[in-house]
């Protein structure tokens, strides 16, 4: 730890925490500690932090809201740069809504909806931030990021700031070029479309009701655990395999929606992994369908 303090203390990189529990930074509420967590407040601090990390050959990763992460019980022997409520400005100018990568997708959607702009209703309940949503091309109810994004501002692996139009982002199902090229999403521009305020609100309330009635939003989870297998729905396969409510210690297949694994107490990463692997085996044995995790499992196991 002393080597980290020697490198980072007193530098213009934002707030620094050492030996920080990752369970405090994921929606699963699971995970051991990372060596260092840095909270930059602007682009300069982000670049400064990454420069120091690269100069000292430290392992690192960028996270946001932590809504799609399952961190190992042993934690992360690396530096974590968190871009969340420390980096979440958003604004509307003309027909462009610009949001920093740490802004929650729900907050961005609310800003658009309140100003009578359509297109965000379906994704308004996704529990992640803009950076993560772009990285994974997040989507719900037939709308994905690729459908509403205009332009993305990033830092590339050589610390150059670049802009990519939507058609340059290589968006596909739960994928973008951010993953392939290890880009850091700084901000995103959305092209807005004016709509009827009442119709937009009705759509928003309809999607919200569908979520609250069918998803276990009251318990810690990562959202949908598995990607949608071609021609199937993961939750339906899991249900038909008789796994609704299947539990290993405090990790459980939700009774409300079988596509979710919920933390019903003090679940460990190993508990969730045990449930994932059991589900994969049972579903494959019954239906010959391989379920691929959507959640990113990180750290030593």
Protein backbone atom coordinates (compact mmCIF):
# COMPACT_ATOMS: atom_id res chain seq x y z
CA UNK A 1 0.00 0.00 0.00
CA UNK A 2 2.89 2.38 0.70
CA UNK A 3 3.89 2.38 -2.96
CA UNK A 4 0.40 3.56 -3.91
CA UNK A 5 0.48 6.36 -1.36
CA UNK A 6 3.89 7.44 -2.60
CA UNK A 7 2.59 7.66 -6.17
CA UNK A 8 -0.87 9.14 -5.63
CA UNK A 9 -0.88 11.29 -2.49
CA UNK A 10 -0.85 15.01 -3.22
CA UNK A 11 -1.51 14.58 -6.94
CA UNK A 12 -4.29 16.31 -8.88
CA UNK A 13 -6.39 13.20 -9.43
CA UNK A 14 -9.38 13.64 -7.11
CA UNK A 15 -10.34 11.91 -3.87
CA UNK A 16 -8.36 8.76 -3.01
CA UNK A 17 -9.43 5.84 -0.80
CA UNK A 18 -7.16 2.94 0.10
CA UNK A 19 -8.28 -0.65 0.78
CA UNK A 20 -11.85 0.28 -0.15
CA UNK A 21 -14.58 -2.43 0.05
CA UNK A 22 -16.04 -3.00 -3.40
CA UNK A 23 -19.34 -4.12 -1.90
CA UNK A 24 -19.97 -0.43 -1.23
CA UNK A 25 -19.69 0.32 -4.95
CA UNK A 26 -21.79 -2.36 -6.66
CA UNK A 27 -25.55 -2.82 -6.77
CA UNK A 28 -25.02 -6.48 -5.76
CA UNK A 29 -23.48 -5.30 -2.44
CA UNK A 30 -20.81 -7.98 -2.87
CA UNK A 31 -17.02 -7.95 -3.13
CA UNK A 32 -13.75 -7.68 -1.25
CA UNK A 33 -11.58 -4.57 -1.17
CA UNK A 34 -9.65 -2.94 -3.99
CA UNK A 35 -6.16 -1.60 -3.29
CA UNK A 36 -7.01 1.96 -4.31
CA UNK A 37 -10.12 3.81 -5.45
CA UNK A 38 -9.86 7.21 -7.14
CA UNK A 39 -12.74 9.64 -7.74
CA UNK A 40 -11.74 12.16 -10.44
CA UNK A 41 -13.99 15.19 -10.87
CA UNK A 42 -12.95 16.26 -14.37
CA UNK A 43 -11.19 15.06 -17.51
CA UNK A 44 -7.83 16.45 -16.43
CA UNK A 45 -7.90 14.40 -13.23
CA UNK A 46 -8.93 11.28 -15.13
CA UNK A 47 -5.99 11.65 -17.52
CA UNK A 48 -3.60 12.49 -14.66
CA UNK A 49 -4.67 9.37 -12.77
CA UNK A 50 -4.29 7.06 -15.75
CA UNK A 51 -0.88 8.56 -16.60
CA UNK A 52 0.39 7.86 -13.08
CA UNK A 53 -1.03 4.35 -13.20
CA UNK A 54 0.60 3.59 -16.55
CA UNK A 55 3.94 5.11 -15.51
CA UNK A 56 4.03 2.73 -12.54
CA UNK A 57 2.62 -0.33 -14.33
CA UNK A 58 -0.33 -0.65 -11.95
CA UNK A 59 -3.32 -2.71 -12.97
CA UNK A 60 -6.48 -0.62 -13.15
CA UNK A 61 -10.08 -0.50 -14.29
CA UNK A 62 -12.83 2.09 -14.71
CA UNK A 63 -16.20 1.60 -13.03
CA UNK A 64 -19.38 3.63 -12.73
CA UNK A 65 -22.44 2.69 -10.72
CA UNK A 66 -21.28 -0.93 -10.47
CA UNK A 67 -24.64 -2.24 -11.64
CA UNK A 68 -23.24 -4.97 -13.88
CA UNK A 69 -20.31 -6.11 -11.74
CA UNK A 70 -19.77 -9.12 -9.51
CA UNK A 71 -16.52 -8.64 -7.59
CA UNK A 72 -14.64 -11.58 -6.10
CA UNK A 73 -14.57 -12.10 -2.35
CA UNK A 74 -10.79 -11.65 -2.48
CA UNK A 75 -11.23 -8.19 -3.98
CA UNK A 76 -9.12 -6.48 -6.61
CA UNK A 77 -5.36 -6.08 -6.52
CA UNK A 78 -5.55 -2.99 -8.66
CA UNK A 79 -6.52 0.66 -8.85
CA UNK A 80 -10.19 1.41 -9.47
CA UNK A 81 -11.16 4.73 -11.04
CA UNK A 82 -14.79 5.47 -10.26
CA UNK A 83 -16.78 7.83 -12.47
CA UNK A 84 -20.18 8.22 -10.88
CA UNK A 85 -21.72 11.05 -8.85
CA UNK A 86 -18.35 12.79 -8.94
CA UNK A 87 -18.67 13.04 -12.74
CA UNK A 88 -22.35 13.32 -13.61
CA UNK A 89 -23.17 16.72 -15.16
CA UNK A 90 -25.82 16.85 -17.88
CA UNK A 91 -27.43 19.56 -19.98
CA UNK A 92 -29.73 20.18 -22.94
CA UNK A 93 -28.69 22.56 -25.71
CA UNK A 94 -30.96 22.73 -28.72
CA UNK A 95 -31.81 19.16 -29.68
CA UNK A 96 -28.73 17.63 -28.01
CA UNK A 97 -28.64 16.23 -24.46
CA UNK A 98 -25.06 15.87 -23.20
CA UNK A 99 -24.28 13.76 -20.14
CA UNK A 100 -21.03 12.90 -18.39
CA UNK A 101 -20.35 9.19 -18.13
CA UNK A 102 -21.12 9.03 -14.40
CA UNK A 103 -24.68 10.33 -14.79
CA UNK A 104 -27.30 7.69 -14.07
CA UNK A 105 -29.30 6.63 -17.09
CA UNK A 106 -32.43 7.10 -15.00
CA UNK A 107 -31.50 10.74 -14.31
CA UNK A 108 -30.70 11.42 -17.96
CA UNK A 109 -33.98 9.84 -18.98
CA UNK A 110 -35.88 11.94 -16.44
CA UNK A 111 -34.30 15.14 -17.80
CA UNK A 112 -35.35 14.21 -21.34
CA UNK A 113 -38.85 13.10 -20.36
CA UNK A 114 -39.50 16.19 -18.24
CA UNK A 115 -38.63 18.33 -21.26
CA UNK A 116 -40.99 16.41 -23.57
CA UNK A 117 -38.32 14.48 -25.46
CA UNK A 118 -39.15 10.93 -26.52
CA UNK A 119 -36.95 7.85 -26.84
CA UNK A 120 -35.80 7.33 -23.26
CA UNK A 121 -38.97 5.86 -21.75
CA UNK A 122 -38.01 2.21 -22.20
CA UNK A 123 -34.47 2.55 -20.82
CA UNK A 124 -35.31 4.86 -17.92
CA UNK A 125 -35.28 2.05 -15.37
CA UNK A 126 -31.93 0.50 -16.28
CA UNK A 127 -29.88 0.71 -13.04
CA UNK A 128 -26.61 1.93 -14.47
CA UNK A 129 -24.78 5.04 -15.54
CA UNK A 130 -24.18 6.39 -19.00
CA UNK A 131 -20.61 5.08 -19.30
CA UNK A 132 -21.64 1.54 -18.47
CA UNK A 133 -24.71 1.74 -20.67
CA UNK A 134 -22.59 2.76 -23.66
CA UNK A 135 -19.96 0.12 -22.93
CA UNK A 136 -22.56 -2.66 -22.91
CA UNK A 137 -25.02 -1.11 -25.38
CA UNK A 138 -27.59 -1.48 -22.61
CA UNK A 139 -31.19 -1.86 -23.57
CA UNK A 140 -34.70 -2.76 -22.47
CA UNK A 141 -38.09 -3.34 -24.06
CA UNK A 142 -36.73 -3.04 -27.59
CA UNK A 143 -34.66 0.13 -27.15
CA UNK A 144 -30.84 0.07 -26.95
CA UNK A 145 -28.25 2.81 -26.61
CA UNK A 146 -27.50 2.55 -30.33
CA UNK A 147 -31.03 3.82 -30.99
CA UNK A 148 -30.66 7.11 -29.12
CA UNK A 149 -26.91 7.96 -29.10
CA UNK A 150 -25.58 10.71 -31.38
CA UNK A 151 -21.88 10.94 -30.43
CA UNK A 152 -19.53 9.59 -27.75
CA UNK A 153 -16.47 11.32 -26.30
CA UNK A 154 -13.75 8.95 -25.09
CA UNK A 155 -10.14 8.65 -24.02
CA UNK A 156 -8.28 5.97 -25.97
CA UNK A 157 -5.57 3.69 -24.67
CA UNK A 158 -2.91 6.29 -25.56
CA UNK A 159 -4.79 8.98 -23.58
CA UNK A 160 -5.99 10.83 -26.68
CA UNK A 161 -9.45 12.41 -26.48
CA UNK A 162 -11.61 11.31 -29.42
CA UNK A 163 -15.19 11.58 -30.63
CA UNK A 164 -17.08 8.72 -32.28
CA UNK A 165 -20.42 9.03 -34.03
CA UNK A 166 -22.99 6.38 -33.24
CA UNK A 167 -22.26 4.40 -36.41
CA UNK A 168 -18.57 4.27 -35.45
CA UNK A 169 -19.23 2.68 -32.06
CA UNK A 170 -19.63 -0.90 -33.36
CA UNK A 171 -22.77 -1.35 -31.30
CA UNK A 172 -24.26 -4.84 -31.18
CA UNK A 173 -26.10 -6.87 -28.56
CA UNK A 174 -24.49 -5.95 -25.20
CA UNK A 175 -21.32 -4.83 -26.98
CA UNK A 176 -19.52 -1.72 -28.22
CA UNK A 177 -16.01 -0.81 -29.32
CA UNK A 178 -15.39 0.51 -25.80
CA UNK A 179 -14.86 -3.10 -24.69
CA UNK A 180 -12.56 -4.04 -27.56
CA UNK A 181 -10.32 -0.97 -27.39
CA UNK A 182 -10.40 -0.32 -23.63
CA UNK A 183 -11.76 3.16 -24.17
CA UNK A 184 -12.81 5.41 -21.29
CA UNK A 185 -16.21 7.00 -21.91
CA UNK A 186 -16.16 10.67 -20.90
CA UNK A 187 -19.50 11.97 -22.11
CA UNK A 188 -22.30 11.11 -24.46
CA UNK A 189 -24.47 13.23 -26.74
CA UNK A 190 -28.05 12.12 -27.39
CA UNK A 191 -30.05 13.46 -30.34
CA UNK A 192 -33.45 14.45 -28.98
CA UNK A 193 -36.86 14.13 -30.59
CA UNK A 194 -39.76 16.26 -29.38
CA UNK A 195 -42.91 14.35 -28.56
CA UNK A 196 -46.28 14.72 -26.91
CA UNK A 197 -45.71 15.20 -23.18
CA UNK A 198 -48.71 13.16 -22.06
CA UNK A 199 -47.91 10.29 -24.41
CA UNK A 200 -44.28 10.26 -23.23
CA UNK A 201 -45.38 10.21 -19.58
CA UNK A 202 -47.90 7.45 -20.25
CA UNK A 203 -45.19 5.33 -21.88
CA UNK A 204 -42.78 6.06 -19.04
CA UNK A 205 -45.32 5.06 -16.37
CA UNK A 206 -46.21 1.92 -18.32
CA UNK A 207 -42.58 0.76 -18.47
CA UNK A 208 -42.08 1.67 -14.81
CA UNK A 209 -45.12 -0.37 -13.78
CA UNK A 210 -43.92 -3.34 -15.81
CA UNK A 211 -40.53 -3.18 -14.10
CA UNK A 212 -41.77 -2.78 -10.54
CA UNK A 213 -44.34 -5.55 -10.92
CA UNK A 214 -42.00 -8.07 -12.54
CA UNK A 215 -38.49 -7.30 -11.27
CA UNK A 216 -37.06 -7.68 -7.72
CA UNK A 217 -36.03 -4.04 -7.40
CA UNK A 218 -36.26 -4.20 -3.60
CA UNK A 219 -33.23 -6.50 -3.28
CA UNK A 220 -29.55 -6.07 -4.26
CA UNK A 221 -28.81 -7.55 -7.68
CA UNK A 222 -26.95 -6.82 -10.90
CA UNK A 223 -30.07 -6.78 -13.04
CA UNK A 224 -30.27 -9.46 -15.72
CA UNK A 225 -27.57 -12.04 -15.03
CA UNK A 226 -27.57 -13.77 -18.42
CA UNK A 227 -27.54 -12.55 -21.99
CA UNK A 228 -30.57 -13.43 -24.08
CA UNK A 229 -29.84 -16.70 -25.93
CA UNK A 230 -30.89 -16.65 -29.56
CA UNK A 231 -34.51 -17.69 -29.91
CA UNK A 232 -35.13 -17.83 -26.17
CA UNK A 233 -35.51 -15.77 -23.01
CA UNK A 234 -33.07 -16.66 -20.22
CA UNK A 235 -35.59 -16.10 -17.42
CA UNK A 236 -38.18 -18.31 -19.10
CA UNK A 237 -35.69 -21.15 -19.58
CA UNK A 238 -34.60 -20.90 -15.95
CA UNK A 239 -38.21 -20.98 -14.81
CA UNK A 240 -39.09 -23.94 -17.04
CA UNK A 241 -36.03 -25.75 -15.67
CA UNK A 242 -37.66 -25.58 -12.22
CA UNK A 243 -35.10 -23.18 -10.77
CA UNK A 244 -37.36 -20.35 -9.58
CA UNK A 245 -36.30 -19.65 -5.99
CA UNK A 246 -33.20 -21.87 -6.19
CA UNK A 247 -30.85 -20.73 -3.44
CA UNK A 248 -27.24 -21.26 -2.46
CA UNK A 249 -26.50 -19.60 0.87
CA UNK A 250 -27.70 -15.99 0.44
CA UNK A 251 -27.68 -15.94 -3.37
CA UNK A 252 -31.06 -16.83 -4.86
CA UNK A 253 -32.87 -16.97 -8.18
CA UNK A 254 -35.57 -14.36 -7.74
CA UNK A 255 -39.10 -15.63 -7.16
CA UNK A 256 -40.30 -12.54 -9.02
CA UNK A 257 -38.12 -12.81 -12.16
CA UNK A 258 -35.95 -15.83 -12.89
CA UNK A 259 -33.49 -13.77 -14.91
CA UNK A 260 -32.30 -12.13 -11.69
CA UNK A 261 -30.08 -13.45 -8.91
CA UNK A 262 -30.68 -11.51 -5.70
CA UNK A 263 -28.62 -11.04 -2.57
CA UNK A 264 -31.04 -11.94 0.22
CA UNK A 265 -28.62 -11.31 3.09
CA UNK A 266 -24.85 -11.42 2.99
CA UNK A 267 -24.17 -13.32 -0.22
CA UNK A 268 -20.60 -13.83 -1.34
CA UNK A 269 -19.29 -13.79 -4.88
CA UNK A 270 -18.68 -17.52 -4.61
CA UNK A 271 -22.37 -18.05 -3.73
CA UNK A 272 -23.53 -16.17 -6.83
CA UNK A 273 -21.04 -18.01 -9.02
CA UNK A 274 -22.33 -21.32 -7.62
CA UNK A 275 -25.89 -20.34 -8.58
CA UNK A 276 -24.78 -19.20 -12.05
CA UNK A 277 -22.92 -22.44 -12.72
CA UNK A 278 -25.80 -24.59 -11.43
CA UNK A 279 -28.29 -22.72 -13.62
CA UNK A 280 -26.04 -23.06 -16.67
CA UNK A 281 -25.70 -26.82 -16.14
CA UNK A 282 -29.40 -27.51 -15.53
CA UNK A 283 -30.58 -25.36 -18.45
CA UNK A 284 -28.04 -26.91 -20.81
CA UNK A 285 -28.93 -30.45 -19.71
CA UNK A 286 -32.67 -29.81 -20.17
CA UNK A 287 -32.75 -27.60 -23.25
CA UNK A 288 -29.28 -27.84 -24.84
CA UNK A 289 -29.02 -24.05 -24.55
CA UNK A 290 -25.87 -22.42 -23.21
CA UNK A 291 -26.51 -19.38 -21.02
CA UNK A 292 -23.77 -16.75 -21.19
CA UNK A 293 -23.42 -14.35 -18.24
CA UNK A 294 -24.15 -10.70 -18.92
CA UNK A 295 -22.76 -9.72 -15.52
CA UNK A 296 -19.00 -9.11 -15.50
CA UNK A 297 -17.26 -11.26 -12.89
CA UNK A 298 -13.98 -9.59 -11.90
CA UNK A 299 -11.12 -10.30 -9.51
CA UNK A 300 -9.42 -13.51 -8.43
CA UNK A 301 -11.50 -16.60 -7.83
